[in-house]
Amino acid sequence: MEARGPEASDLKERDSTADPELLRSAQQGSKAAWEALYERYLPSLWRYVYTQVDGDRHTAADIVSETFLAALHGLHRLDPDGGPLYAWLVGIARHKLGDHRRHVRRWPTNPAGLDLQDLVPGEAINPSEGLEGAENRARVAETMARLSDEERLVLEWKHVDGLSAREIAKRTSRTEKAVRALLYRARKSFRAIFRGQHRPTA
């Protein structure tokens, strides 16, 4: 009989499983559960690391690989109900980034990929620059870097990966109402930081 890959329904179910459940399964040796967590957090962790190394793809790939390897080795020590998994992964990544950090922060050529007009409605943007202009890219990346890990992740999941509040709620074991409240706070924080940059002082 010809081998078949996972059914679409299986993949959808795995993607909607909450982090604590996946963590417990991974700690018990489930390769599928670990792969689900890896696939869930790889895009966001990559964006974070990529930003920190100024768009150096080779360095970012090495650090992300080292981060997940360290996470896998330390998985048995993690409390599935102890807090957001992303914050734990970012903590590992920050340690791995130690030798690559510089005193002056630099920004990637293509930061988080967020829709600036969606997050900061009414913002005056230089038509010659547009959303892809270097100055706007730098401001978006700097703003994202100054958000909390939780706020950064929920904005990326919503505005970059296109997840609904319900999908985010399933991933994080929150209620949909709690996710919407978090999104509201994250957008508010983003706007305040973004609009506060490069303003002339009195």
N, C-alpha and C. Protein backbone atom coordinates (compact mmCIF):
# COMPACT_ATOMS: atom_id res chain seq x y z
N MET A 1 0.86 -1.20 0.00
CA MET A 1 0.00 0.00 0.00
C MET A 1 0.89 1.25 0.00
N GLU A 2 0.52 2.25 -0.79
CA GLU A 2 1.32 3.46 -0.89
C GLU A 2 1.22 4.27 0.39
N ALA A 3 2.39 4.74 0.84
CA ALA A 3 2.42 5.53 2.06
C ALA A 3 1.73 6.86 1.83
N ARG A 4 1.03 7.33 2.85
CA ARG A 4 0.31 8.60 2.74
C ARG A 4 0.77 9.54 3.85
N GLY A 5 0.74 10.81 3.54
CA GLY A 5 1.10 11.81 4.53
C GLY A 5 -0.09 12.08 5.44
N PRO A 6 0.08 13.00 6.41
CA PRO A 6 -1.01 13.32 7.33
C PRO A 6 -2.21 13.88 6.58
N GLU A 7 -3.37 13.48 6.98
CA GLU A 7 -4.59 14.03 6.40
C GLU A 7 -4.73 15.49 6.80
N ALA A 8 -5.42 16.26 5.96
CA ALA A 8 -5.61 17.68 6.25
C ALA A 8 -6.30 17.89 7.59
N SER A 9 -7.25 17.01 7.90
CA SER A 9 -7.97 17.14 9.18
C SER A 9 -7.04 16.92 10.36
N ASP A 10 -6.08 15.99 10.22
CA ASP A 10 -5.12 15.74 11.29
C ASP A 10 -4.23 16.94 11.51
N LEU A 11 -3.77 17.57 10.40
CA LEU A 11 -2.91 18.73 10.51
C LEU A 11 -3.66 19.89 11.15
N LYS A 12 -4.92 20.07 10.78
CA LYS A 12 -5.72 21.16 11.34
C LYS A 12 -5.92 20.95 12.83
N GLU A 13 -6.19 19.70 13.22
CA GLU A 13 -6.41 19.41 14.65
C GLU A 13 -5.14 19.66 15.44
N ARG A 14 -4.00 19.25 14.88
CA ARG A 14 -2.74 19.44 15.57
C ARG A 14 -2.42 20.91 15.73
N ASP A 15 -2.73 21.70 14.71
CA ASP A 15 -2.42 23.12 14.74
C ASP A 15 -3.27 23.86 15.75
N SER A 16 -4.44 23.34 16.07
CA SER A 16 -5.34 24.02 17.00
C SER A 16 -5.18 23.54 18.44
N THR A 17 -4.32 22.55 18.67
CA THR A 17 -4.11 22.03 20.02
C THR A 17 -3.39 23.07 20.87
N ALA A 18 -3.81 23.25 22.12
CA ALA A 18 -3.21 24.25 23.00
C ALA A 18 -1.79 23.85 23.37
N ASP A 19 -0.98 24.86 23.66
CA ASP A 19 0.42 24.63 24.01
C ASP A 19 0.62 23.63 25.16
N PRO A 20 -0.08 23.79 26.29
CA PRO A 20 0.17 22.86 27.40
C PRO A 20 -0.03 21.39 27.02
N GLU A 21 -1.06 21.13 26.23
CA GLU A 21 -1.31 19.75 25.82
C GLU A 21 -0.19 19.24 24.92
N LEU A 22 0.25 20.07 24.00
CA LEU A 22 1.35 19.67 23.12
C LEU A 22 2.64 19.48 23.92
N LEU A 23 2.88 20.34 24.88
CA LEU A 23 4.08 20.22 25.70
C LEU A 23 4.10 18.92 26.48
N ARG A 24 2.97 18.57 27.07
CA ARG A 24 2.91 17.32 27.83
C ARG A 24 3.18 16.13 26.92
N SER A 25 2.61 16.16 25.73
CA SER A 25 2.83 15.06 24.79
C SER A 25 4.30 15.01 24.36
N ALA A 26 4.89 16.18 24.11
CA ALA A 26 6.30 16.22 23.71
C ALA A 26 7.19 15.71 24.83
N GLN A 27 6.87 16.06 26.05
CA GLN A 27 7.66 15.59 27.19
C GLN A 27 7.56 14.08 27.37
N GLN A 28 6.48 13.52 26.89
CA GLN A 28 6.29 12.07 26.95
C GLN A 28 6.88 11.36 25.74
N GLY A 29 7.55 12.14 24.87
CA GLY A 29 8.26 11.54 23.75
C GLY A 29 7.55 11.61 22.42
N SER A 30 6.47 12.39 22.32
CA SER A 30 5.75 12.49 21.06
C SER A 30 6.50 13.38 20.08
N LYS A 31 6.99 12.78 19.01
CA LYS A 31 7.69 13.54 17.98
C LYS A 31 6.73 14.48 17.27
N ALA A 32 5.50 14.03 17.04
CA ALA A 32 4.51 14.86 16.35
C ALA A 32 4.19 16.12 17.15
N ALA A 33 4.11 15.98 18.47
CA ALA A 33 3.80 17.13 19.32
C ALA A 33 4.94 18.15 19.26
N TRP A 34 6.19 17.65 19.32
CA TRP A 34 7.32 18.57 19.24
C TRP A 34 7.35 19.27 17.88
N GLU A 35 7.09 18.53 16.81
CA GLU A 35 7.08 19.12 15.48
C GLU A 35 5.99 20.19 15.37
N ALA A 36 4.85 19.95 16.02
CA ALA A 36 3.76 20.93 16.00
C ALA A 36 4.18 22.22 16.69
N LEU A 37 4.87 22.09 17.82
CA LEU A 37 5.35 23.27 18.53
C LEU A 37 6.42 24.00 17.72
N TYR A 38 7.28 23.23 17.11
CA TYR A 38 8.34 23.81 16.27
C TYR A 38 7.74 24.62 15.13
N GLU A 39 6.78 24.01 14.43
CA GLU A 39 6.14 24.69 13.30
C GLU A 39 5.35 25.92 13.76
N ARG A 40 4.81 25.85 14.96
CA ARG A 40 4.00 26.95 15.48
C ARG A 40 4.85 28.18 15.79
N TYR A 41 6.02 27.96 16.38
CA TYR A 41 6.81 29.08 16.87
C TYR A 41 8.01 29.44 15.99
N LEU A 42 8.33 28.62 15.00
CA LEU A 42 9.45 28.92 14.13
C LEU A 42 9.33 30.27 13.43
N PRO A 43 8.18 30.60 12.80
CA PRO A 43 8.11 31.89 12.09
C PRO A 43 8.36 33.09 12.98
N SER A 44 7.74 33.10 14.16
CA SER A 44 7.90 34.25 15.06
C SER A 44 9.31 34.31 15.63
N LEU A 45 9.86 33.16 16.00
CA LEU A 45 11.22 33.15 16.54
C LEU A 45 12.22 33.57 15.47
N TRP A 46 11.99 33.11 14.25
CA TRP A 46 12.87 33.51 13.14
C TRP A 46 12.84 35.02 12.95
N ARG A 47 11.64 35.61 12.93
CA ARG A 47 11.54 37.06 12.75
C ARG A 47 12.28 37.80 13.86
N TYR A 48 12.12 37.30 15.09
CA TYR A 48 12.79 37.95 16.23
C TYR A 48 14.31 37.89 16.07
N VAL A 49 14.84 36.71 15.81
CA VAL A 49 16.29 36.55 15.68
C VAL A 49 16.81 37.30 14.47
N TYR A 50 16.09 37.22 13.37
CA TYR A 50 16.49 37.89 12.13
C TYR A 50 16.65 39.39 12.36
N THR A 51 15.73 39.95 13.14
CA THR A 51 15.81 41.37 13.47
C THR A 51 17.07 41.68 14.26
N GLN A 52 17.38 40.82 15.23
CA GLN A 52 18.50 41.07 16.11
C GLN A 52 19.85 40.98 15.40
N VAL A 53 19.94 40.20 14.33
CA VAL A 53 21.22 40.04 13.63
C VAL A 53 21.25 40.83 12.33
N ASP A 54 20.36 41.81 12.22
CA ASP A 54 20.38 42.74 11.09
C ASP A 54 20.23 42.05 9.74
N GLY A 55 19.37 41.05 9.70
CA GLY A 55 19.07 40.41 8.43
C GLY A 55 20.13 39.45 7.93
N ASP A 56 21.01 39.03 8.80
CA ASP A 56 22.02 38.03 8.42
C ASP A 56 21.36 36.65 8.48
N ARG A 57 20.94 36.12 7.33
CA ARG A 57 20.16 34.89 7.29
C ARG A 57 20.95 33.69 7.81
N HIS A 58 22.22 33.64 7.51
CA HIS A 58 23.04 32.51 7.94
C HIS A 58 23.14 32.48 9.47
N THR A 59 23.43 33.65 10.04
CA THR A 59 23.53 33.74 11.50
C THR A 59 22.19 33.46 12.15
N ALA A 60 21.12 34.01 11.57
CA ALA A 60 19.79 33.78 12.13
C ALA A 60 19.44 32.30 12.11
N ALA A 61 19.74 31.62 11.01
CA ALA A 61 19.44 30.19 10.90
C ALA A 61 20.19 29.40 11.96
N ASP A 62 21.46 29.74 12.18
CA ASP A 62 22.26 29.04 13.19
C ASP A 62 21.68 29.24 14.58
N ILE A 63 21.32 30.49 14.90
CA ILE A 63 20.82 30.79 16.24
C ILE A 63 19.47 30.15 16.48
N VAL A 64 18.61 30.19 15.48
CA VAL A 64 17.29 29.57 15.63
C VAL A 64 17.44 28.06 15.83
N SER A 65 18.33 27.43 15.07
CA SER A 65 18.55 25.99 15.21
C SER A 65 19.09 25.67 16.61
N GLU A 66 20.04 26.46 17.07
CA GLU A 66 20.60 26.26 18.40
C GLU A 66 19.54 26.46 19.48
N THR A 67 18.66 27.42 19.26
CA THR A 67 17.60 27.70 20.23
C THR A 67 16.65 26.51 20.38
N PHE A 68 16.20 25.97 19.25
CA PHE A 68 15.28 24.85 19.32
C PHE A 68 15.97 23.59 19.84
N LEU A 69 17.25 23.42 19.53
CA LEU A 69 17.97 22.26 20.06
C LEU A 69 18.08 22.35 21.58
N ALA A 70 18.41 23.55 22.07
CA ALA A 70 18.48 23.74 23.52
C ALA A 70 17.11 23.57 24.17
N ALA A 71 16.07 24.04 23.49
CA ALA A 71 14.71 23.89 24.02
C ALA A 71 14.34 22.42 24.11
N LEU A 72 14.69 21.66 23.10
CA LEU A 72 14.38 20.23 23.10
C LEU A 72 15.08 19.53 24.25
N HIS A 73 16.34 19.88 24.48
CA HIS A 73 17.11 19.26 25.57
C HIS A 73 16.57 19.66 26.95
N GLY A 74 16.00 20.86 27.04
CA GLY A 74 15.51 21.33 28.33
C GLY A 74 14.01 21.16 28.51
N LEU A 75 13.38 20.49 27.57
CA LEU A 75 11.92 20.37 27.57
C LEU A 75 11.40 19.70 28.83
N HIS A 76 12.14 18.72 29.34
CA HIS A 76 11.65 17.96 30.50
C HIS A 76 11.58 18.82 31.76
N ARG A 77 12.30 19.95 31.78
CA ARG A 77 12.30 20.82 32.96
C ARG A 77 11.20 21.87 32.92
N LEU A 78 10.48 21.95 31.81
CA LEU A 78 9.49 23.01 31.63
C LEU A 78 8.13 22.60 32.17
N ASP A 79 7.51 23.50 32.91
CA ASP A 79 6.15 23.28 33.41
C ASP A 79 5.17 23.67 32.31
N PRO A 80 4.37 22.73 31.79
CA PRO A 80 3.44 23.05 30.70
C PRO A 80 2.47 24.18 31.04
N ASP A 81 2.18 24.35 32.33
CA ASP A 81 1.25 25.41 32.73
C ASP A 81 1.98 26.60 33.35
N GLY A 82 3.28 26.67 33.13
CA GLY A 82 4.08 27.68 33.80
C GLY A 82 4.16 29.03 33.12
N GLY A 83 3.58 29.17 31.94
CA GLY A 83 3.63 30.46 31.25
C GLY A 83 3.80 30.28 29.75
N PRO A 84 3.82 31.38 29.01
CA PRO A 84 3.90 31.30 27.55
C PRO A 84 5.18 30.61 27.07
N LEU A 85 5.03 29.69 26.17
CA LEU A 85 6.18 28.98 25.62
C LEU A 85 7.07 29.93 24.84
N TYR A 86 6.47 30.88 24.14
CA TYR A 86 7.25 31.79 23.32
C TYR A 86 8.24 32.58 24.16
N ALA A 87 7.82 33.01 25.34
CA ALA A 87 8.72 33.77 26.21
C ALA A 87 9.93 32.93 26.60
N TRP A 88 9.71 31.65 26.84
CA TRP A 88 10.80 30.73 27.18
C TRP A 88 11.75 30.58 25.99
N LEU A 89 11.21 30.43 24.80
CA LEU A 89 12.04 30.28 23.60
C LEU A 89 12.85 31.55 23.34
N VAL A 90 12.21 32.71 23.51
CA VAL A 90 12.92 33.97 23.30
C VAL A 90 14.05 34.12 24.32
N GLY A 91 13.80 33.67 25.54
CA GLY A 91 14.85 33.72 26.55
C GLY A 91 16.07 32.91 26.14
N ILE A 92 15.84 31.74 25.58
CA ILE A 92 16.94 30.92 25.09
C ILE A 92 17.63 31.62 23.92
N ALA A 93 16.83 32.17 23.01
CA ALA A 93 17.40 32.86 21.84
C ALA A 93 18.25 34.05 22.27
N ARG A 94 17.78 34.78 23.27
CA ARG A 94 18.56 35.93 23.75
C ARG A 94 19.93 35.49 24.26
N HIS A 95 19.96 34.37 24.93
CA HIS A 95 21.23 33.83 25.41
C HIS A 95 22.13 33.47 24.22
N LYS A 96 21.55 32.83 23.21
CA LYS A 96 22.32 32.43 22.04
C LYS A 96 22.79 33.64 21.23
N LEU A 97 22.06 34.72 21.34
CA LEU A 97 22.41 35.93 20.59
C LEU A 97 23.55 36.73 21.22
N GLY A 98 23.98 36.31 22.41
CA GLY A 98 24.95 37.09 23.18
C GLY A 98 26.13 37.61 22.39
N ASP A 99 26.82 36.74 21.67
CA ASP A 99 28.01 37.13 20.94
C ASP A 99 27.69 37.94 19.68
N HIS A 100 26.40 37.96 19.30
CA HIS A 100 26.03 38.64 18.06
C HIS A 100 25.41 40.02 18.31
N ARG A 101 25.21 40.32 19.56
CA ARG A 101 24.62 41.63 19.86
C ARG A 101 25.65 42.73 19.67
N ARG A 102 25.20 43.90 19.32
CA ARG A 102 26.07 45.06 19.16
C ARG A 102 25.55 46.19 20.05
N HIS A 103 26.45 47.13 20.35
CA HIS A 103 26.05 48.22 21.22
C HIS A 103 24.99 49.11 20.56
N VAL A 104 25.06 49.23 19.27
CA VAL A 104 24.07 50.04 18.56
C VAL A 104 23.17 49.09 17.79
N ARG A 105 21.87 49.11 18.08
CA ARG A 105 20.92 48.23 17.40
C ARG A 105 20.82 48.58 15.93
N ARG A 106 20.83 47.55 15.08
CA ARG A 106 20.65 47.72 13.65
C ARG A 106 19.34 47.03 13.25
N TRP A 107 18.84 47.39 12.10
CA TRP A 107 17.51 46.91 11.71
C TRP A 107 17.57 46.17 10.39
N PRO A 108 16.74 45.13 10.18
CA PRO A 108 16.74 44.34 8.96
C PRO A 108 16.12 45.09 7.79
N THR A 109 16.39 44.60 6.60
CA THR A 109 15.81 45.23 5.41
C THR A 109 14.33 44.96 5.28
N ASN A 110 13.85 43.94 5.92
CA ASN A 110 12.42 43.62 5.85
C ASN A 110 11.99 43.13 7.22
N PRO A 111 11.55 44.04 8.13
CA PRO A 111 11.24 43.63 9.49
C PRO A 111 10.02 42.73 9.58
N ALA A 112 9.17 42.99 10.52
CA ALA A 112 8.13 42.03 10.85
C ALA A 112 7.11 41.80 9.75
N GLY A 113 7.02 42.67 8.76
CA GLY A 113 6.06 42.47 7.69
C GLY A 113 4.66 42.93 8.07
N LEU A 114 4.55 43.77 9.08
CA LEU A 114 3.24 44.22 9.52
C LEU A 114 2.69 45.29 8.58
N ASP A 115 1.37 45.35 8.50
CA ASP A 115 0.72 46.36 7.69
C ASP A 115 0.61 47.63 8.52
N LEU A 116 1.43 48.60 8.19
CA LEU A 116 1.51 49.82 8.99
C LEU A 116 0.20 50.57 9.01
N GLN A 117 -0.49 50.63 7.88
CA GLN A 117 -1.76 51.36 7.82
C GLN A 117 -2.82 50.69 8.67
N ASP A 118 -2.72 49.39 8.84
CA ASP A 118 -3.69 48.67 9.66
C ASP A 118 -3.43 48.94 11.15
N LEU A 119 -2.16 48.96 11.53
CA LEU A 119 -1.82 49.13 12.93
C LEU A 119 -1.84 50.59 13.37
N VAL A 120 -1.50 51.49 12.46
CA VAL A 120 -1.45 52.91 12.81
C VAL A 120 -2.29 53.68 11.82
N PRO A 121 -3.62 53.54 11.88
CA PRO A 121 -4.50 54.23 10.92
C PRO A 121 -4.34 55.74 11.01
N GLY A 122 -4.34 56.36 9.85
CA GLY A 122 -4.24 57.81 9.81
C GLY A 122 -2.84 58.34 9.91
N GLU A 123 -1.85 57.45 10.03
CA GLU A 123 -0.47 57.92 10.13
C GLU A 123 -0.02 58.54 8.82
N ALA A 124 0.58 59.72 8.91
CA ALA A 124 1.09 60.39 7.71
C ALA A 124 2.36 59.68 7.25
N ILE A 125 2.32 59.16 6.01
CA ILE A 125 3.45 58.43 5.47
C ILE A 125 3.93 59.13 4.21
N ASN A 126 5.22 59.33 4.12
CA ASN A 126 5.80 59.97 2.95
C ASN A 126 5.49 59.14 1.72
N PRO A 127 4.75 59.69 0.73
CA PRO A 127 4.38 58.91 -0.45
C PRO A 127 5.57 58.34 -1.21
N SER A 128 6.70 59.05 -1.16
CA SER A 128 7.88 58.56 -1.86
C SER A 128 8.50 57.37 -1.15
N GLU A 129 8.17 57.23 0.14
CA GLU A 129 8.72 56.12 0.91
C GLU A 129 7.75 54.95 0.93
N GLY A 130 6.49 55.24 1.21
CA GLY A 130 5.51 54.17 1.33
C GLY A 130 5.83 53.27 2.51
N LEU A 131 5.14 52.15 2.59
CA LEU A 131 5.35 51.23 3.70
C LEU A 131 6.68 50.50 3.60
N GLU A 132 7.27 50.51 2.39
CA GLU A 132 8.52 49.78 2.20
C GLU A 132 9.74 50.67 2.39
N GLY A 133 9.54 51.95 2.67
CA GLY A 133 10.67 52.85 2.82
C GLY A 133 11.55 52.47 3.98
N ALA A 134 12.82 52.81 3.88
CA ALA A 134 13.79 52.41 4.90
C ALA A 134 13.44 53.00 6.26
N GLU A 135 13.03 54.26 6.28
CA GLU A 135 12.71 54.89 7.56
C GLU A 135 11.53 54.21 8.23
N ASN A 136 10.48 53.92 7.45
CA ASN A 136 9.31 53.26 8.02
C ASN A 136 9.63 51.84 8.47
N ARG A 137 10.46 51.13 7.69
CA ARG A 137 10.85 49.78 8.10
C ARG A 137 11.58 49.82 9.43
N ALA A 138 12.47 50.80 9.57
CA ALA A 138 13.24 50.91 10.81
C ALA A 138 12.32 51.21 11.99
N ARG A 139 11.35 52.07 11.77
CA ARG A 139 10.43 52.43 12.86
C ARG A 139 9.57 51.24 13.26
N VAL A 140 9.11 50.46 12.28
CA VAL A 140 8.31 49.28 12.60
C VAL A 140 9.14 48.28 13.40
N ALA A 141 10.36 48.01 12.93
CA ALA A 141 11.21 47.03 13.61
C ALA A 141 11.56 47.49 15.01
N GLU A 142 11.86 48.79 15.17
CA GLU A 142 12.19 49.31 16.49
C GLU A 142 10.99 49.23 17.42
N THR A 143 9.82 49.54 16.89
CA THR A 143 8.61 49.46 17.70
C THR A 143 8.35 48.03 18.17
N MET A 144 8.46 47.08 17.24
CA MET A 144 8.23 45.69 17.60
C MET A 144 9.22 45.22 18.66
N ALA A 145 10.47 45.66 18.56
CA ALA A 145 11.49 45.25 19.51
C ALA A 145 11.21 45.77 20.91
N ARG A 146 10.48 46.88 21.00
CA ARG A 146 10.21 47.49 22.30
C ARG A 146 8.93 46.96 22.94
N LEU A 147 8.16 46.18 22.22
CA LEU A 147 6.97 45.56 22.80
C LEU A 147 7.37 44.40 23.70
N SER A 148 6.46 43.99 24.56
CA SER A 148 6.70 42.79 25.34
C SER A 148 6.66 41.58 24.42
N ASP A 149 7.26 40.47 24.85
CA ASP A 149 7.26 39.26 24.02
C ASP A 149 5.83 38.84 23.68
N GLU A 150 4.94 38.94 24.65
CA GLU A 150 3.55 38.52 24.46
C GLU A 150 2.86 39.40 23.43
N GLU A 151 3.07 40.71 23.54
CA GLU A 151 2.45 41.63 22.59
C GLU A 151 3.01 41.44 21.19
N ARG A 152 4.32 41.25 21.09
CA ARG A 152 4.94 41.05 19.78
C ARG A 152 4.39 39.79 19.11
N LEU A 153 4.28 38.72 19.86
CA LEU A 153 3.82 37.46 19.29
C LEU A 153 2.38 37.55 18.81
N VAL A 154 1.50 38.14 19.63
CA VAL A 154 0.09 38.17 19.25
C VAL A 154 -0.12 39.06 18.03
N LEU A 155 0.67 40.13 17.88
CA LEU A 155 0.56 40.98 16.69
C LEU A 155 1.06 40.24 15.46
N GLU A 156 2.14 39.49 15.61
CA GLU A 156 2.65 38.72 14.47
C GLU A 156 1.66 37.65 14.04
N TRP A 157 1.11 36.94 15.01
CA TRP A 157 0.15 35.89 14.67
C TRP A 157 -1.07 36.48 13.97
N LYS A 158 -1.50 37.65 14.43
CA LYS A 158 -2.70 38.26 13.86
C LYS A 158 -2.43 38.93 12.52
N HIS A 159 -1.39 39.78 12.47
CA HIS A 159 -1.19 40.66 11.32
C HIS A 159 -0.19 40.13 10.30
N VAL A 160 0.65 39.19 10.68
CA VAL A 160 1.60 38.61 9.74
C VAL A 160 1.14 37.24 9.28
N ASP A 161 0.80 36.39 10.25
CA ASP A 161 0.38 35.03 9.91
C ASP A 161 -1.10 34.90 9.60
N GLY A 162 -1.88 35.95 9.92
CA GLY A 162 -3.29 35.96 9.56
C GLY A 162 -4.19 35.08 10.40
N LEU A 163 -3.78 34.79 11.64
CA LEU A 163 -4.63 33.95 12.50
C LEU A 163 -5.78 34.77 13.06
N SER A 164 -6.89 34.11 13.29
CA SER A 164 -8.03 34.77 13.92
C SER A 164 -7.85 34.75 15.43
N ALA A 165 -8.64 35.56 16.11
CA ALA A 165 -8.58 35.58 17.58
C ALA A 165 -8.93 34.21 18.14
N ARG A 166 -9.85 33.52 17.50
CA ARG A 166 -10.23 32.18 17.96
C ARG A 166 -9.06 31.20 17.84
N GLU A 167 -8.32 31.28 16.73
CA GLU A 167 -7.17 30.40 16.52
C GLU A 167 -6.07 30.69 17.53
N ILE A 168 -5.85 31.96 17.81
CA ILE A 168 -4.84 32.33 18.80
C ILE A 168 -5.26 31.84 20.18
N ALA A 169 -6.54 31.95 20.48
CA ALA A 169 -7.06 31.50 21.77
C ALA A 169 -6.81 30.01 21.96
N LYS A 170 -7.03 29.23 20.92
CA LYS A 170 -6.81 27.79 21.01
C LYS A 170 -5.34 27.47 21.26
N ARG A 171 -4.47 28.21 20.61
CA ARG A 171 -3.04 27.97 20.78
C ARG A 171 -2.56 28.29 22.19
N THR A 172 -3.11 29.34 22.76
CA THR A 172 -2.58 29.86 24.02
C THR A 172 -3.41 29.48 25.24
N SER A 173 -4.46 28.70 25.03
CA SER A 173 -5.35 28.29 26.14
C SER A 173 -6.02 29.49 26.81
N ARG A 174 -6.21 30.56 26.04
CA ARG A 174 -6.94 31.72 26.53
C ARG A 174 -8.36 31.68 25.97
N THR A 175 -9.21 32.52 26.53
CA THR A 175 -10.52 32.71 25.92
C THR A 175 -10.37 33.67 24.75
N GLU A 176 -11.32 33.60 23.83
CA GLU A 176 -11.27 34.51 22.68
C GLU A 176 -11.37 35.96 23.15
N LYS A 177 -12.15 36.18 24.19
CA LYS A 177 -12.29 37.53 24.74
C LYS A 177 -10.96 38.03 25.28
N ALA A 178 -10.22 37.15 25.96
CA ALA A 178 -8.92 37.54 26.50
C ALA A 178 -7.92 37.86 25.39
N VAL A 179 -7.99 37.10 24.30
CA VAL A 179 -7.10 37.36 23.17
C VAL A 179 -7.41 38.70 22.54
N ARG A 180 -8.68 38.99 22.37
CA ARG A 180 -9.06 40.27 21.78
C ARG A 180 -8.59 41.43 22.67
N ALA A 181 -8.67 41.24 23.98
CA ALA A 181 -8.19 42.27 24.90
C ALA A 181 -6.68 42.45 24.78
N LEU A 182 -5.96 41.33 24.64
CA LEU A 182 -4.52 41.39 24.47
C LEU A 182 -4.15 42.08 23.16
N LEU A 183 -4.88 41.75 22.09
CA LEU A 183 -4.64 42.41 20.80
C LEU A 183 -4.88 43.91 20.89
N TYR A 184 -5.91 44.29 21.61
CA TYR A 184 -6.22 45.71 21.78
C TYR A 184 -5.06 46.41 22.49
N ARG A 185 -4.57 45.79 23.57
CA ARG A 185 -3.46 46.39 24.32
C ARG A 185 -2.19 46.44 23.47
N ALA A 186 -1.95 45.36 22.70
CA ALA A 186 -0.75 45.31 21.87
C ALA A 186 -0.77 46.38 20.79
N ARG A 187 -1.93 46.54 20.13
CA ARG A 187 -2.05 47.57 19.10
C ARG A 187 -1.87 48.97 19.72
N LYS A 188 -2.46 49.16 20.89
CA LYS A 188 -2.34 50.45 21.56
C LYS A 188 -0.89 50.75 21.90
N SER A 189 -0.17 49.73 22.40
CA SER A 189 1.25 49.90 22.72
C SER A 189 2.04 50.20 21.46
N PHE A 190 1.74 49.48 20.38
CA PHE A 190 2.46 49.69 19.12
C PHE A 190 2.28 51.12 18.64
N ARG A 191 1.04 51.60 18.64
CA ARG A 191 0.77 52.95 18.15
C ARG A 191 1.47 54.00 19.00
N ALA A 192 1.43 53.81 20.31
CA ALA A 192 2.05 54.79 21.20
C ALA A 192 3.56 54.86 20.97
N ILE A 193 4.19 53.71 20.83
CA ILE A 193 5.64 53.68 20.61
C ILE A 193 5.97 54.21 19.23
N PHE A 194 5.22 53.76 18.21
CA PHE A 194 5.50 54.16 16.84
C PHE A 194 5.35 55.66 16.66
N ARG A 195 4.26 56.19 17.18
CA ARG A 195 4.00 57.62 16.99
C ARG A 195 4.92 58.49 17.84
N GLY A 196 5.48 57.90 18.87
CA GLY A 196 6.37 58.67 19.75
C GLY A 196 7.78 58.80 19.23
N GLN A 197 8.11 58.06 18.17
CA GLN A 197 9.46 58.06 17.61
C GLN A 197 9.67 59.27 16.70
N HIS A 198 10.86 59.84 16.78
CA HIS A 198 11.31 60.87 15.84
C HIS A 198 10.44 62.12 15.86
N ARG A 199 9.76 62.34 16.98
CA ARG A 199 8.99 63.59 17.08
C ARG A 199 9.91 64.71 17.55
N PRO A 200 9.76 65.89 16.99
CA PRO A 200 10.63 66.98 17.43
C PRO A 200 10.33 67.38 18.87
N THR A 201 11.34 67.67 19.62
CA THR A 201 11.16 68.06 21.00
C THR A 201 10.88 69.55 21.07
N ALA A 202 10.15 69.95 22.12
CA ALA A 202 9.80 71.36 22.24
C ALA A 202 11.02 72.19 22.58
